[in-house]
PDB file of N, CA and C in Angstrom:
ATOM      1  N   ALA A   1       1.175  -1.383   0.226  1.00  0.00           N
ATOM      2  CA  ALA A   1       0.214  -0.099  -0.213  1.00  0.00           C
ATOM      3  C   ALA A   1       1.039   1.322   0.005  1.00  0.00           C
ATOM      4  N   SER A   2       0.139   2.104  -0.621  1.00  0.00           N
ATOM      5  CA  SER A   2       0.946   3.453  -0.418  1.00  0.00           C
ATOM      6  C   SER A   2       0.496   4.547  -0.100  1.00  0.00           C
ATOM      7  N   THR A   3       1.229   5.988  -0.368  1.00  0.00           N
ATOM      8  CA  THR A   3       0.074   6.815   0.653  1.00  0.00           C
ATOM      9  C   THR A   3      -0.838   7.643  -0.297  1.00  0.00           C
ATOM     10  N   SER A   4      -1.027   7.086  -1.775  1.00  0.00           N
ATOM     11  CA  SER A   4      -1.924   7.234  -2.633  1.00  0.00           C
ATOM     12  C   SER A   4      -2.866   5.954  -1.948  1.00  0.00           C
ATOM     13  N   HIS A   5      -2.728   5.449  -1.751  1.00  0.00           N
ATOM     14  CA  HIS A   5      -4.312   4.820  -1.363  1.00  0.00           C
ATOM     15  C   HIS A   5      -5.277   5.073  -0.120  1.00  0.00           C
ATOM     16  N   GLY A   6      -4.045   5.320   0.634  1.00  0.00           N
ATOM     17  CA  GLY A   6      -4.347   6.271   1.746  1.00  0.00           C
ATOM     18  C   GLY A   6      -4.904   7.830   1.611  1.00  0.00           C
ATOM     19  N   ASN A   7      -4.539   7.908   0.897  1.00  0.00           N
ATOM     20  CA  ASN A   7      -4.901   9.248  -0.134  1.00  0.00           C
ATOM     21  C   ASN A   7      -5.975   9.131  -0.628  1.00  0.00           C
ATOM     22  N   SER A   8      -6.474   7.743  -1.620  1.00  0.00           N
ATOM     23  CA  SER A   8      -8.020   7.556  -1.990  1.00  0.00           C
ATOM     24  C   SER A   8      -9.362   7.119  -1.043  1.00  0.00           C
ATOM     25  N   LEU A   9      -8.229   6.837  -0.219  1.00  0.00           N
ATOM     26  CA  LEU A   9      -9.218   5.921   0.817  1.00  0.00           C
ATOM     27  C   LEU A   9     -10.106   7.221   1.825  1.00  0.00           C
ATOM     28  N   ARG A  10      -9.011   8.168   1.999  1.00  0.00           N
ATOM     29  CA  ARG A  10      -9.470   9.063   3.289  1.00  0.00           C
ATOM     30  C   ARG A  10     -11.000  10.208   1.584  1.00  0.00           C
ATOM     31  N   GLN A  11     -10.365  10.437   0.399  1.00  0.00           N
ATOM     32  CA  GLN A  11     -10.674  10.831   0.574  1.00  0.00           C
ATOM     33  C   GLN A  11     -12.709  10.447  -0.800  1.00  0.00           C
ATOM     34  N   LEU A  12     -12.285   9.327  -0.487  1.00  0.00           N
ATOM     35  CA  LEU A  12     -13.628   8.239  -0.366  1.00  0.00           C
ATOM     36  C   LEU A  12     -14.741   7.981   1.268  1.00  0.00           C
ATOM     37  N   LEU A  13     -13.925   8.004   2.197  1.00  0.00           N
ATOM     38  CA  LEU A  13     -15.007   9.051   3.224  1.00  0.00           C
ATOM     39  C   LEU A  13     -15.432   9.861   3.747  1.00  0.00           C
ATOM     40  N   GLU A  14     -14.813  10.547   2.496  1.00  0.00           N
ATOM     41  CA  GLU A  14     -15.266  12.161   3.176  1.00  0.00           C
ATOM     42  C   GLU A  14     -16.348  12.092   2.074  1.00  0.00           C
ATOM     43  N   GLN A  15     -16.932  11.430   1.106  1.00  0.00           N
ATOM     44  CA  GLN A  15     -18.029  11.608   0.468  1.00  0.00           C
ATOM     45  C   GLN A  15     -18.678  10.622   0.461  1.00  0.00           C
ATOM     46  N   HIS A  16     -18.517   9.663   1.481  1.00  0.00           N
ATOM     47  CA  HIS A  16     -18.784   8.558   2.008  1.00  0.00           C
ATOM     48  C   HIS A  16     -18.825   7.942   2.989  1.00  0.00           C
ATOM     49  N   THR A  17     -19.962   7.375   3.997  1.00  0.00           N
ATOM     50  CA  THR A  17     -19.928   7.381   5.759  1.00  0.00           C
ATOM     51  C   THR A  17     -18.796   5.620   5.837  1.00  0.00           C
ATOM     52  N   VAL A  18     -19.031   4.631   4.355  1.00  0.00           N
ATOM     53  CA  VAL A  18     -18.336   3.272   4.414  1.00  0.00           C
ATOM     54  C   VAL A  18     -18.137   3.126   3.203  1.00  0.00           C
ATOM     55  N   VAL A  19     -16.539   2.504   3.177  1.00  0.00           N
ATOM     56  CA  VAL A  19     -15.947   2.036   2.112  1.00  0.00           C
ATOM     57  C   VAL A  19     -15.310   0.763   2.041  1.00  0.00           C
ATOM     58  N   LYS A  20     -15.923  -0.635   1.213  1.00  0.00           N
ATOM     59  CA  LYS A  20     -15.878  -1.691   0.961  1.00  0.00           C
ATOM     60  C   LYS A  20     -13.913  -1.104   0.025  1.00  0.00           C
ATOM     61  N   VAL A  21     -13.405  -2.450   0.640  1.00  0.00           N
ATOM     62  CA  VAL A  21     -11.647  -1.968   0.084  1.00  0.00           C
ATOM     63  C   VAL A  21     -11.431  -3.545  -0.061  1.00  0.00           C
ATOM     64  N   LYS A  22     -11.156  -4.260  -0.756  1.00  0.00           N
ATOM     65  CA  LYS A  22     -11.290  -5.368  -1.652  1.00  0.00           C
ATOM     66  C   LYS A  22      -9.113  -5.381  -1.363  1.00  0.00           C
ATOM     67  N   PHE A  23      -8.484  -6.429  -0.832  1.00  0.00           N
ATOM     68  CA  PHE A  23      -7.331  -6.813  -0.236  1.00  0.00           C
ATOM     69  C   PHE A  23      -6.938  -7.764  -1.566  1.00  0.00           C
ATOM     70  N   ASN A  24      -4.778  -7.690  -1.819  1.00  0.00           N
ATOM     71  CA  ASN A  24      -4.618  -8.885  -2.069  1.00  0.00           C
ATOM     72  C   ASN A  24      -3.365  -9.178  -0.581  1.00  0.00           C
ATOM     73  N   THR A  25      -3.722 -10.180   0.253  1.00  0.00           N
ATOM     74  CA  THR A  25      -3.613  -9.982   1.797  1.00  0.00           C
ATOM     75  C   THR A  25      -1.679 -10.376   1.628  1.00  0.00           C
ATOM     76  N   ARG A  26      -1.591 -10.972   1.073  1.00  0.00           N
ATOM     77  CA  ARG A  26      -0.259 -11.517   0.982  1.00  0.00           C
ATOM     78  C   ARG A  26       0.927 -10.343   1.375  1.00  0.00           C
ATOM     79  N   PRO A  27       0.717  -8.718   0.303  1.00  0.00           N
ATOM     80  CA  PRO A  27       1.873  -8.126   1.211  1.00  0.00           C
ATOM     81  C   PRO A  27       1.591  -8.102   2.471  1.00  0.00           C
ATOM     82  N   PHE A  28       0.465  -8.714   3.102  1.00  0.00           N
ATOM     83  CA  PHE A  28       0.353  -8.069   4.528  1.00  0.00           C
ATOM     84  C   PHE A  28       0.365  -9.346   5.829  1.00  0.00           C
ATOM     85  N   ASP A  29       1.664  -9.754   5.379  1.00  0.00           N
ATOM     86  CA  ASP A  29       1.212 -11.202   5.635  1.00  0.00           C
ATOM     87  C   ASP A  29      -0.289 -12.468   6.062  1.00  0.00           C
ATOM     88  N   ASN A  30      -0.933 -11.835   4.635  1.00  0.00           N
ATOM     89  CA  ASN A  30      -2.294 -12.781   4.533  1.00  0.00           C
ATOM     90  C   ASN A  30      -3.461 -12.210   5.732  1.00  0.00           C
ATOM     91  N   SER A  31      -2.900 -11.400   6.691  1.00  0.00           N
ATOM     92  CA  SER A  31      -3.792 -10.898   8.149  1.00  0.00           C
ATOM     93  C   SER A  31      -4.477  -9.239   7.519  1.00  0.00           C
ATOM     94  N   LEU A  32      -6.475  -9.763   7.619  1.00  0.00           N
ATOM     95  CA  LEU A  32      -6.895  -8.143   7.114  1.00  0.00           C
ATOM     96  C   LEU A  32      -6.667  -7.401   7.943  1.00  0.00           C
ATOM     97  N   ASP A  33      -6.001  -7.389   8.957  1.00  0.00           N
ATOM     98  CA  ASP A  33      -6.120  -6.847  10.530  1.00  0.00           C
ATOM     99  C   ASP A  33      -4.447  -5.561  10.527  1.00  0.00           C
ATOM    100  N   VAL A  34      -3.916  -7.019   9.933  1.00  0.00           N
ATOM    101  CA  VAL A  34      -2.518  -5.574   8.973  1.00  0.00           C
ATOM    102  C   VAL A  34      -2.892  -4.800   8.188  1.00  0.00           C
ATOM    103  N   ALA A  35      -3.455  -5.422   6.978  1.00  0.00           N
ATOM    104  CA  ALA A  35      -4.424  -4.599   6.070  1.00  0.00           C
ATOM    105  C   ALA A  35      -4.903  -3.332   6.594  1.00  0.00           C
ATOM    106  N   PHE A  36      -5.564  -3.700   7.766  1.00  0.00           N
ATOM    107  CA  PHE A  36      -6.707  -2.543   8.024  1.00  0.00           C
ATOM    108  C   PHE A  36      -5.719  -1.371   8.671  1.00  0.00           C
ATOM    109  N   THR A  37      -4.731  -1.922   9.415  1.00  0.00           N
ATOM    110  CA  THR A  37      -4.121  -0.779  10.361  1.00  0.00           C
ATOM    111  C   THR A  37      -3.220  -0.382   9.099  1.00  0.00           C
ATOM    112  N   LYS A  38      -2.355  -0.386   8.095  1.00  0.00           N
ATOM    113  CA  LYS A  38      -1.703  -0.240   7.167  1.00  0.00           C
ATOM    114  C   LYS A  38      -2.734   1.047   6.747  1.00  0.00           C
ATOM    115  N   LEU A  39      -3.342   0.549   5.940  1.00  0.00           N
ATOM    116  CA  LEU A  39      -4.020   1.865   5.763  1.00  0.00           C
ATOM    117  C   LEU A  39      -5.262   3.210   5.598  1.00  0.00           C
ATOM    118  N   ARG A  40      -5.708   2.021   7.575  1.00  0.00           N
ATOM    119  CA  ARG A  40      -5.936   3.392   8.354  1.00  0.00           C
ATOM    120  C   ARG A  40      -4.613   4.216   8.394  1.00  0.00           C
ATOM    121  N   THR A  41      -3.310   4.140   8.359  1.00  0.00           N
ATOM    122  CA  THR A  41      -2.946   5.279   9.183  1.00  0.00           C
ATOM    123  C   THR A  41      -2.499   5.538   7.329  1.00  0.00           C
ATOM    124  N   LEU A  42      -2.333   5.234   6.938  1.00  0.00           N
ATOM    125  CA  LEU A  42      -2.094   6.188   5.708  1.00  0.00           C
ATOM    126  C   LEU A  42      -3.168   7.208   4.615  1.00  0.00           C
ATOM    127  N   ALA A  43      -4.316   6.844   4.867  1.00  0.00           N
ATOM    128  CA  ALA A  43      -5.235   7.661   4.996  1.00  0.00           C
ATOM    129  C   ALA A  43      -5.366   8.734   5.795  1.00  0.00           C
ATOM    130  N   GLU A  44      -4.800   8.871   7.709  1.00  0.00           N
ATOM    131  CA  GLU A  44      -5.098   9.357   8.339  1.00  0.00           C
ATOM    132  C   GLU A  44      -4.029  10.381   8.256  1.00  0.00           C
ATOM    133  N   ASP A  45      -2.996  10.122   8.016  1.00  0.00           N
ATOM    134  CA  ASP A  45      -1.664  10.286   7.768  1.00  0.00           C
ATOM    135  C   ASP A  45      -1.776  11.496   6.347  1.00  0.00           C
ATOM    136  N   SER A  46      -3.011  11.106   5.590  1.00  0.00           N
ATOM    137  CA  SER A  46      -3.004  12.068   4.623  1.00  0.00           C
ATOM    138  C   SER A  46      -4.437  13.050   5.221  1.00  0.00           C
ATOM    139  N   GLY A  47      -4.348  13.736   5.812  1.00  0.00           N
ATOM    140  CA  GLY A  47      -5.703  14.082   6.633  1.00  0.00           C
ATOM    141  C   GLY A  47      -7.063  13.656   6.975  1.00  0.00           C
ATOM    142  N   ALA A  48      -7.032  12.762   6.474  1.00  0.00           N
ATOM    143  CA  ALA A  48      -7.954  11.784   7.363  1.00  0.00           C
ATOM    144  C   ALA A  48      -8.497  12.053   8.860  1.00  0.00           C
ATOM    145  N   PRO A  49      -9.937  12.302   9.354  1.00  0.00           N
ATOM    146  CA  PRO A  49      -9.685  12.810  11.333  1.00  0.00           C
ATOM    147  C   PRO A  49      -9.155  10.980  11.465  1.00  0.00           C
ATOM    148  N   ALA A  50      -8.810  10.492  12.610  1.00  0.00           N
ATOM    149  CA  ALA A  50      -7.968   9.516  13.511  1.00  0.00           C
ATOM    150  C   ALA A  50      -9.107   8.855  13.781  1.00  0.00           C
ATOM    151  N   GLY A  51      -9.846   7.579  14.122  1.00  0.00           N
ATOM    152  CA  GLY A  51     -10.780   6.216  14.241  1.00  0.00           C
ATOM    153  C   GLY A  51     -10.591   6.252  13.336  1.00  0.00           C
ATOM    154  N   ILE A  52     -10.825   5.853  11.856  1.00  0.00           N
ATOM    155  CA  ILE A  52     -11.274   5.496  10.755  1.00  0.00           C
ATOM    156  C   ILE A  52     -11.297   4.061  11.345  1.00  0.00           C
ATOM    157  N   GLU A  53     -13.161   3.276  11.205  1.00  0.00           N
ATOM    158  CA  GLU A  53     -13.507   2.172  11.606  1.00  0.00           C
ATOM    159  C   GLU A  53     -13.324   0.860  10.685  1.00  0.00           C
ATOM    160  N   MET A  54     -12.802  -0.535  11.442  1.00  0.00           N
ATOM    161  CA  MET A  54     -13.517  -1.315  10.664  1.00  0.00           C
ATOM    162  C   MET A  54     -14.705  -2.305  10.853  1.00  0.00           C
ATOM    163  N   LEU A  55     -16.107  -1.815  10.142  1.00  0.00           N
ATOM    164  CA  LEU A  55     -16.797  -1.971  10.413  1.00  0.00           C
ATOM    165  C   LEU A  55     -17.480  -3.347  10.502  1.00  0.00           C
ATOM    166  N   GLN A  56     -16.532  -4.387   9.396  1.00  0.00           N
ATOM    167  CA  GLN A  56     -16.550  -6.241   8.888  1.00  0.00           C
ATOM    168  C   GLN A  56     -15.654  -6.169   8.136  1.00  0.00           C
ATOM    169  N   ALA A  57     -14.854  -7.587   8.130  1.00  0.00           N
ATOM    170  CA  ALA A  57     -14.124  -8.176   7.432  1.00  0.00           C
ATOM    171  C   ALA A  57     -14.769  -9.139   7.013  1.00  0.00           C
ATOM    172  N   ARG A  58     -14.256  -9.484   5.582  1.00  0.00           N
ATOM    173  CA  ARG A  58     -14.766 -11.456   5.446  1.00  0.00           C
ATOM    174  C   ARG A  58     -13.393 -11.873   5.151  1.00  0.00           C
ATOM    175  N   SER A  59     -12.896 -12.317   5.753  1.00  0.00           N
ATOM    176  CA  SER A  59     -11.587 -13.470   4.597  1.00  0.00           C
ATOM    177  C   SER A  59     -11.867 -13.549   3.686  1.00  0.00           C
ATOM    178  N   SER A  60     -12.998 -14.839   3.705  1.00  0.00           N
ATOM    179  CA  SER A  60     -13.061 -15.657   2.219  1.00  0.00           C
ATOM    180  C   SER A  60     -13.144 -14.489   0.779  1.00  0.00           C
ATOM    181  N   ASP A  61     -13.824 -13.386   1.383  1.00  0.00           N
ATOM    182  CA  ASP A  61     -13.701 -12.329   0.482  1.00  0.00           C
ATOM    183  C   ASP A  61     -12.357 -11.948  -0.048  1.00  0.00           C
ATOM    184  N   LYS A  62     -11.456 -11.786   1.584  1.00  0.00           N
ATOM    185  CA  LYS A  62     -10.466 -10.396   1.927  1.00  0.00           C
ATOM    186  C   LYS A  62     -11.106  -8.778   1.171  1.00  0.00           C
ATOM    187  N   VAL A  63     -12.201  -8.749   1.377  1.00  0.00           N
ATOM    188  CA  VAL A  63     -12.811  -7.225   1.950  1.00  0.00           C
ATOM    189  C   VAL A  63     -12.918  -6.377   3.261  1.00  0.00           C
ATOM    190  N   ILE A  64     -12.564  -5.718   3.650  1.00  0.00           N
ATOM    191  CA  ILE A  64     -12.542  -5.335   4.547  1.00  0.00           C
ATOM    192  C   ILE A  64     -13.655  -3.692   3.924  1.00  0.00           C
ATOM    193  N   LEU A  65     -14.531  -3.616   5.020  1.00  0.00           N
ATOM    194  CA  LEU A  65     -15.608  -2.389   5.005  1.00  0.00           C
ATOM    195  C   LEU A  65     -14.930  -1.142   6.474  1.00  0.00           C
ATOM    196  N   PHE A  66     -14.792  -0.481   5.311  1.00  0.00           N
ATOM    197  CA  PHE A  66     -14.057   0.772   6.277  1.00  0.00           C
ATOM    198  C   PHE A  66     -14.786   1.518   6.716  1.00  0.00           C
ATOM    199  N   GLY A  67     -15.337   2.440   7.792  1.00  0.00           N
ATOM    200  CA  GLY A  67     -16.470   3.616   8.080  1.00  0.00           C
ATOM    201  C   GLY A  67     -15.864   5.129   8.987  1.00  0.00           C
ATOM    202  N   GLN A  68     -15.957   5.795   8.423  1.00  0.00           N
ATOM    203  CA  GLN A  68     -16.152   7.483   9.005  1.00  0.00           C
ATOM    204  C   GLN A  68     -15.904   6.784  10.668  1.00  0.00           C
ATOM    205  N   PRO A  69     -15.047   7.561  11.518  1.00  0.00           N
ATOM    206  CA  PRO A  69     -14.802   8.032  12.682  1.00  0.00           C
ATOM    207  C   PRO A  69     -16.170   7.618  13.271  1.00  0.00           C
ATOM    208  N   GLY A  70     -16.999   7.025  13.885  1.00  0.00           N
ATOM    209  CA  GLY A  70     -18.601   6.705  14.942  1.00  0.00           C
ATOM    210  C   GLY A  70     -19.676   6.457  14.736  1.00  0.00           C
ATOM    211  N   THR A  71     -18.908   5.249  13.005  1.00  0.00           N
ATOM    212  CA  THR A  71     -19.783   4.185  12.074  1.00  0.00           C
ATOM    213  C   THR A  71     -20.919   3.985  13.234  1.00  0.00           C
ATOM    214  N   LEU A  72     -19.830   3.028  13.437  1.00  0.00           N
ATOM    215  CA  LEU A  72     -20.304   1.614  14.361  1.00  0.00           C
ATOM    216  C   LEU A  72     -21.101   2.029  15.369  1.00  0.00           C
ATOM    217  N   GLN A  73     -20.983   3.348  16.530  1.00  0.00           N
ATOM    218  CA  GLN A  73     -22.374   3.679  17.553  1.00  0.00           C
ATOM    219  C   GLN A  73     -23.425   3.782  16.535  1.00  0.00           C
ATOM    220  N   ARG A  74     -22.988   4.792  15.485  1.00  0.00           N
ATOM    221  CA  ARG A  74     -24.296   5.072  14.912  1.00  0.00           C
ATOM    222  C   ARG A  74     -25.401   3.812  14.313  1.00  0.00           C
ATOM    223  N   ILE A  75     -24.768   3.056  14.399  1.00  0.00           N
ATOM    224  CA  ILE A  75     -25.306   1.358  13.650  1.00  0.00           C
ATOM    225  C   ILE A  75     -25.695   0.801  14.381  1.00  0.00           C
ATOM    226  N   LYS A  76     -25.055   0.804  16.143  1.00  0.00           N
ATOM    227  CA  LYS A  76     -25.583   0.097  17.620  1.00  0.00           C
ATOM    228  C   LYS A  76     -27.123   1.348  17.917  1.00  0.00           C
ATOM    229  N   ASP A  77     -27.388   2.889  17.369  1.00  0.00           N
ATOM    230  CA  ASP A  77     -27.772   3.163  17.455  1.00  0.00           C
ATOM    231  C   ASP A  77     -29.004   3.382  16.528  1.00  0.00           C
ATOM    232  N   ASN A  78     -28.881   2.686  16.107  1.00  0.00           N
ATOM    233  CA  ASN A  78     -30.259   2.574  14.435  1.00  0.00           C
ATOM    234  C   ASN A  78     -30.162   4.019  13.901  1.00  0.00           C
ATOM    235  N   GLU A  79     -28.991   4.047  13.995  1.00  0.00           N
ATOM    236  CA  GLU A  79     -28.533   5.225  12.903  1.00  0.00           C
ATOM    237  C   GLU A  79     -28.368   6.098  11.586  1.00  0.00           C
ATOM    238  N   PHE A  80     -28.041   4.262  11.767  1.00  0.00           N
ATOM    239  CA  PHE A  80     -26.717   4.384  10.386  1.00  0.00           C
ATOM    240  C   PHE A  80     -27.313   2.251   9.960  1.00  0.00           C
ATOM    241  N   PRO A  81     -27.731   2.591   8.423  1.00  0.00           N
ATOM    242  CA  PRO A  81     -28.115   2.962   7.218  1.00  0.00           C
ATOM    243  C   PRO A  81     -29.314   4.126   7.489  1.00  0.00           C
ATOM    244  N   PRO A  82     -29.302   5.352   7.094  1.00  0.00           N
ATOM    245  CA  PRO A  82     -30.492   5.891   6.912  1.00  0.00           C
ATOM    246  C   PRO A  82     -32.087   5.014   6.611  1.00  0.00           C
ATOM    247  N   PRO A  83     -32.354   5.622   6.445  1.00  0.00           N
ATOM    248  CA  PRO A  83     -34.077   4.977   6.352  1.00  0.00           C
ATOM    249  C   PRO A  83     -34.345   5.512   4.693  1.00  0.00           C
ATOM    250  N   PRO A  84     -34.890   4.543   4.283  1.00  0.00           N
ATOM    251  CA  PRO A  84     -35.301   4.834   2.797  1.00  0.00           C
ATOM    252  C   PRO A  84     -35.983   5.899   2.696  1.00  0.00           C
ATOM    253  N   LYS A  85     -35.791   6.990   1.588  1.00  0.00           N
ATOM    254  CA  LYS A  85     -36.116   8.112   1.446  1.00  0.00           C
ATOM    255  C   LYS A  85     -38.234   8.096   0.989  1.00  0.00           C
ATOM    256  N   SER A  86     -39.108   8.563   1.562  1.00  0.00           N
ATOM    257  CA  SER A  86     -39.869   7.891   1.238  1.00  0.00           C
ATOM    258  C   SER A  86     -40.550   8.609  -0.816  1.00  0.00           C
ATOM    259  N   PRO A  87     -41.341   7.687  -1.207  1.00  0.00           N
ATOM    260  CA  PRO A  87     -41.670   8.298  -2.095  1.00  0.00           C
ATOM    261  C   PRO A  87     -42.811   9.639  -3.019  1.00  0.00           C
TER     262      PRO A  87
END
């Protein structure tokens, strides 16, 4: 992972509350936890707020769901995802 990956995650999280990222885990010791920590650090180093959250990790798909800080609490409080808009 490079600085540009962290910058991209920062930009996506500025536009969206949640971002799904698929990884090749080999460079991260085949660990989604290591991949999450590395990409979160790169995003925070490029200006993202501290506390980016791992909402879900699926080892079988090598996918991590990243969330803006506070998203886990918003999910627990039934504030996220927002209800569908009425027609």
